[in-house]
Structures are given as structure tokens and as C-alpha cells.
Amino acid sequence: MDYDPVLLLPLLLVPLFIILISLKIMREYERAVVFLLGRFWKVKGPGLILVVPGLQTMVRVDLRTRVLDVPSQDVISRDNVSVKVNAVLYYRVLDADKAVIQVEDYDAATSQLAQTTLRSVLGQHELDEMLAERERLNNDIQTILDSQTDAWGIKVTNVELKHVDIDESMVRAIAKQAEAERIRRAKVINAEG
């Protein structure tokens, strides 16, 4: 039986095409969360992986450390001083499957959580503490964020308060208070002779 090469060509090209679109390359810092018929199957990568079209779908997850600039937040300190605070947050995905399955958008969720945590933690402290004890506040915020994002497969590695901006009228009031304190000390020193 003689086969026409024109008829054999599609029989060879279709499987080759399916194999080519099934192959995916995952870089060293990426993982593929693979779903088989809509259910989680496994995490694959790095390297060359096979995702069967029609049966499997894949979500690519970047495992590198990300930097999130937390926008300025209005915070009222424990001593009722209104300040604007912004911070920077460093985090990375540890469990790709949790980051895809447990939360819809882990970047947005981490950002929102960072904003609310920043406001709540700093609201428990006085202005002097915010200015003098930044390292301790950074650690407190980082610990809280890390424990809450753990269920999403996210590791918060560092939090840094960038700016604590005080209202101009409050700056003048603080300056007056400092001046009054210096005058009081001078009077005490003069009285002691």
C-alpha cells in the first residue's frame, strides 16, 4: 500500500505541534503550580516541564524577593499625634502552591495587610517611640506580617519604616515644648547656683 506524503505530513505535524506547546521552561527562580482537570496536582520546576493542553493548566510563580513600597499611612499615635508614615516591605514566596491556592492575589493581599498592620502597630506607640525605636517597631511589624502571611506561603523577610512625617503645627508645638524644657532646666541650674 502506497501512502501519499501529503497525507502523512499532517499526521506528523499535529503531534509535534502538541508536544511543542506542551513544553514549558521554568527558570531557576520560578515554579509552576500545575492543575489537572482543575484540581491541584503538583509543583514543577525549574527546568523543562510538560503541561498537557486541555488536561492541565499552569500558574507561574516567581520565588525571588519582592520589594513593596507601602504608601503613606495616616496614623494617630497613642499620645494623639497625627503622623504620616510610609515603609518598605521585603517578602518572597516560599510555598508556590499555597500562594496560588490560599489567596487570590498574594501581592495585593500582602500590600493591604502591610498597610493595616503598620497603622495598628504604630497606633499603639507614642511619637517619641516612633522616632527613637524604629528598629524595634520594624521587628514587631515584620513578626506580625510574617505570622499572618505564613498561611499564604509568603515569608516577610524585612520591614523598614522610611519616613515618619509630623504635621507642621505639631513640629512647632514640639519645638515650643523643648524650648520650655530648656528654660526650666536653666532656671533649676541658676537656682542651685
Protein backbone atom coordinates (compact mmCIF):
# COMPACT_ATOMS: atom_id res chain seq x y z
CA MET A 1 0.00 0.00 0.00
CA ASP A 2 1.39 3.34 -1.04
CA TYR A 3 0.90 6.38 1.23
CA ASP A 4 0.76 9.88 -0.13
CA PRO A 5 3.38 12.05 1.68
CA VAL A 6 0.94 14.99 1.73
CA LEU A 7 -1.43 12.93 3.89
CA LEU A 8 1.35 11.80 6.23
CA LEU A 9 2.60 15.33 6.84
CA PRO A 10 -0.40 16.43 8.99
CA LEU A 11 -0.19 13.17 10.94
CA LEU A 12 3.39 14.01 11.84
CA LEU A 13 2.97 17.77 12.36
CA VAL A 14 -0.05 17.67 14.69
CA PRO A 15 1.64 15.52 17.39
CA LEU A 16 4.84 17.56 17.02
CA PHE A 17 2.86 20.79 17.46
CA ILE A 18 1.10 19.42 20.58
CA ILE A 19 4.43 18.41 22.11
CA LEU A 20 5.93 21.82 21.39
CA ILE A 21 3.07 23.74 23.02
CA SER A 22 3.18 21.33 25.98
CA LEU A 23 6.80 22.06 26.83
CA LYS A 24 7.46 24.95 29.22
CA ILE A 25 10.77 26.23 30.52
CA MET A 26 10.86 27.26 34.17
CA ARG A 27 13.80 29.38 35.26
CA GLU A 28 15.75 28.63 38.43
CA TYR A 29 13.73 31.20 40.41
CA GLU A 30 10.32 30.06 39.08
CA ARG A 31 7.94 27.24 39.90
CA ALA A 32 4.87 26.04 38.02
CA VAL A 33 1.77 25.21 40.04
CA VAL A 34 0.07 22.61 37.85
CA PHE A 35 -3.64 21.79 37.97
CA LEU A 36 -5.00 18.59 36.43
CA LEU A 37 -8.64 18.99 35.38
CA GLY A 38 -8.97 21.95 37.74
CA ARG A 39 -7.54 20.24 40.83
CA PHE A 40 -4.09 20.92 42.27
CA TRP A 41 -1.70 18.26 41.02
CA LYS A 42 1.86 19.32 41.87
CA VAL A 43 4.54 21.99 41.79
CA LYS A 44 7.06 21.59 38.99
CA GLY A 45 10.34 23.25 38.07
CA PRO A 46 12.90 24.52 37.49
CA GLY A 47 13.85 23.26 34.05
CA LEU A 48 11.85 21.79 31.19
CA ILE A 49 8.36 20.67 32.17
CA LEU A 50 5.45 19.14 30.29
CA VAL A 51 1.93 20.58 30.65
CA VAL A 52 -0.66 18.63 28.66
CA PRO A 53 -3.01 21.10 26.92
CA GLY A 54 -6.67 20.57 27.67
CA LEU A 55 -5.96 18.46 30.75
CA GLN A 56 -3.52 20.59 32.69
CA THR A 57 -3.17 24.28 33.38
CA MET A 58 -0.20 26.03 34.92
CA VAL A 59 0.37 29.13 37.05
CA ARG A 60 3.92 30.51 37.00
CA VAL A 61 5.18 31.76 40.41
CA ASP A 62 8.31 33.88 40.92
CA LEU A 63 10.25 32.90 44.08
CA ARG A 64 12.57 35.91 44.18
CA THR A 65 12.40 38.52 46.93
CA ARG A 66 9.95 41.28 46.10
CA VAL A 67 10.03 44.87 47.29
CA LEU A 68 6.76 46.53 48.23
CA ASP A 69 6.65 50.26 48.85
CA VAL A 70 3.87 50.70 51.42
CA PRO A 71 2.12 54.01 50.63
CA SER A 72 1.93 56.76 53.24
CA GLN A 73 -0.47 55.90 56.02
CA ASP A 74 -2.15 58.40 58.34
CA VAL A 75 -1.52 57.16 61.86
CA ILE A 76 -2.71 58.61 65.16
CA SER A 77 -0.19 57.74 67.84
CA ARG A 78 -1.08 56.73 71.38
CA ASP A 79 -0.42 60.31 72.52
CA ASN A 80 -2.88 61.60 69.84
CA VAL A 81 -0.30 62.96 67.41
CA SER A 82 -1.26 62.65 63.75
CA VAL A 83 1.66 61.45 61.62
CA LYS A 84 2.16 60.17 58.08
CA VAL A 85 4.25 57.02 57.93
CA ASN A 86 5.47 55.03 54.96
CA ALA A 87 7.54 51.87 54.86
CA VAL A 88 9.16 49.36 52.57
CA LEU A 89 8.50 45.63 52.83
CA TYR A 90 10.63 42.74 51.54
CA TYR A 91 8.95 39.37 51.04
CA ARG A 92 9.18 36.21 48.97
CA VAL A 93 7.10 33.17 48.11
CA LEU A 94 8.22 30.02 49.93
CA ASP A 95 5.32 27.68 49.02
CA ALA A 96 4.15 28.29 45.47
CA ASP A 97 1.09 26.07 45.84
CA LYS A 98 -0.17 27.97 48.92
CA ALA A 99 0.47 31.33 47.23
CA VAL A 100 -1.77 30.32 44.33
CA ILE A 101 -4.44 28.29 46.14
CA GLN A 102 -4.87 30.01 49.52
CA VAL A 103 -5.16 33.62 48.33
CA GLU A 104 -6.39 35.12 45.06
CA ASP A 105 -3.66 37.75 44.65
CA TYR A 106 -0.86 37.38 47.18
CA ASP A 107 0.82 40.65 46.14
CA ALA A 108 -2.31 42.74 46.75
CA ALA A 109 -3.17 40.82 49.93
CA THR A 110 0.33 41.36 51.33
CA SER A 111 0.15 45.06 50.47
CA GLN A 112 -3.21 45.54 52.19
CA LEU A 113 -2.10 43.56 55.23
CA ALA A 114 1.09 45.63 55.47
CA GLN A 115 -0.89 48.88 55.43
CA THR A 116 -3.33 47.84 58.14
CA THR A 117 -0.61 46.29 60.31
CA LEU A 118 1.51 49.44 60.01
CA ARG A 119 -1.41 51.58 61.21
CA SER A 120 -2.40 49.29 64.06
CA VAL A 121 1.12 48.69 65.43
CA LEU A 122 2.21 52.32 65.23
CA GLY A 123 -1.10 53.48 66.73
CA GLN A 124 -0.15 51.67 69.93
CA HIS A 125 3.03 53.72 70.38
CA GLU A 126 3.81 57.32 71.22
CA LEU A 127 5.51 59.68 68.78
CA ASP A 128 8.80 59.57 70.71
CA GLU A 129 8.88 55.77 70.36
CA MET A 130 8.21 56.00 66.62
CA LEU A 131 11.16 58.32 66.21
CA ALA A 132 13.59 56.68 68.64
CA GLU A 133 12.82 52.96 68.44
CA ARG A 134 12.41 52.31 64.72
CA GLU A 135 14.36 49.06 64.79
CA ARG A 136 12.08 47.54 67.42
CA LEU A 137 8.97 48.73 65.58
CA ASN A 138 10.33 47.30 62.31
CA ASN A 139 10.84 43.93 64.00
CA ASP A 140 7.36 43.99 65.59
CA ILE A 141 5.67 44.76 62.26
CA GLN A 142 7.77 42.13 60.45
CA THR A 143 6.92 39.44 63.01
CA ILE A 144 3.18 40.14 62.79
CA LEU A 145 3.18 40.23 58.98
CA ASP A 146 5.26 37.07 58.70
CA SER A 147 2.96 35.11 61.01
CA GLN A 148 -0.16 36.24 59.12
CA THR A 149 1.24 35.61 55.62
CA ASP A 150 2.59 32.17 56.54
CA ALA A 151 -0.75 30.57 55.58
CA TRP A 152 -0.29 32.04 52.08
CA GLY A 153 3.20 30.58 51.66
CA ILE A 154 4.78 34.05 51.98
CA LYS A 155 7.86 34.89 54.08
CA VAL A 156 8.22 38.55 55.10
CA THR A 157 11.97 38.97 55.45
CA ASN A 158 12.25 42.63 56.38
CA VAL A 159 10.22 45.77 57.10
CA GLU A 160 11.76 49.24 57.22
CA LEU A 161 9.98 52.43 58.23
CA LYS A 162 11.11 55.03 55.70
CA HIS A 163 9.57 58.28 56.87
CA VAL A 164 7.66 59.49 59.90
CA ASP A 165 6.30 62.90 58.88
CA ILE A 166 4.80 65.16 61.51
CA ASP A 167 2.28 67.92 60.78
CA GLU A 168 3.85 71.42 60.69
CA SER A 169 1.74 72.69 63.60
CA MET A 170 2.87 69.70 65.66
CA VAL A 171 6.53 70.46 64.83
CA ARG A 172 6.05 73.99 66.20
CA ALA A 173 4.34 72.65 69.34
CA ILE A 174 7.19 70.18 69.93
CA ALA A 175 9.75 72.97 69.45
CA LYS A 176 7.90 75.17 71.98
CA GLN A 177 7.79 72.28 74.44
CA ALA A 178 11.53 71.65 74.02
CA GLU A 179 12.26 75.37 74.49
CA ALA A 180 10.13 75.45 77.65
CA GLU A 181 12.03 72.41 78.97
CA ARG A 182 15.39 74.11 78.32
CA ILE A 183 14.22 77.26 80.12
CA ARG A 184 13.02 75.17 83.07
CA ARG A 185 16.39 73.40 83.28
CA ALA A 186 18.24 76.71 83.08
CA LYS A 187 16.16 78.09 85.98
CA VAL A 188 16.89 74.97 88.06
CA ILE A 189 20.62 75.28 87.36
CA ASN A 190 20.59 79.01 88.21
CA ALA A 191 18.64 78.36 91.42
CA GLU A 192 21.15 75.73 92.52
CA GLY A 193 23.87 78.29 91.98
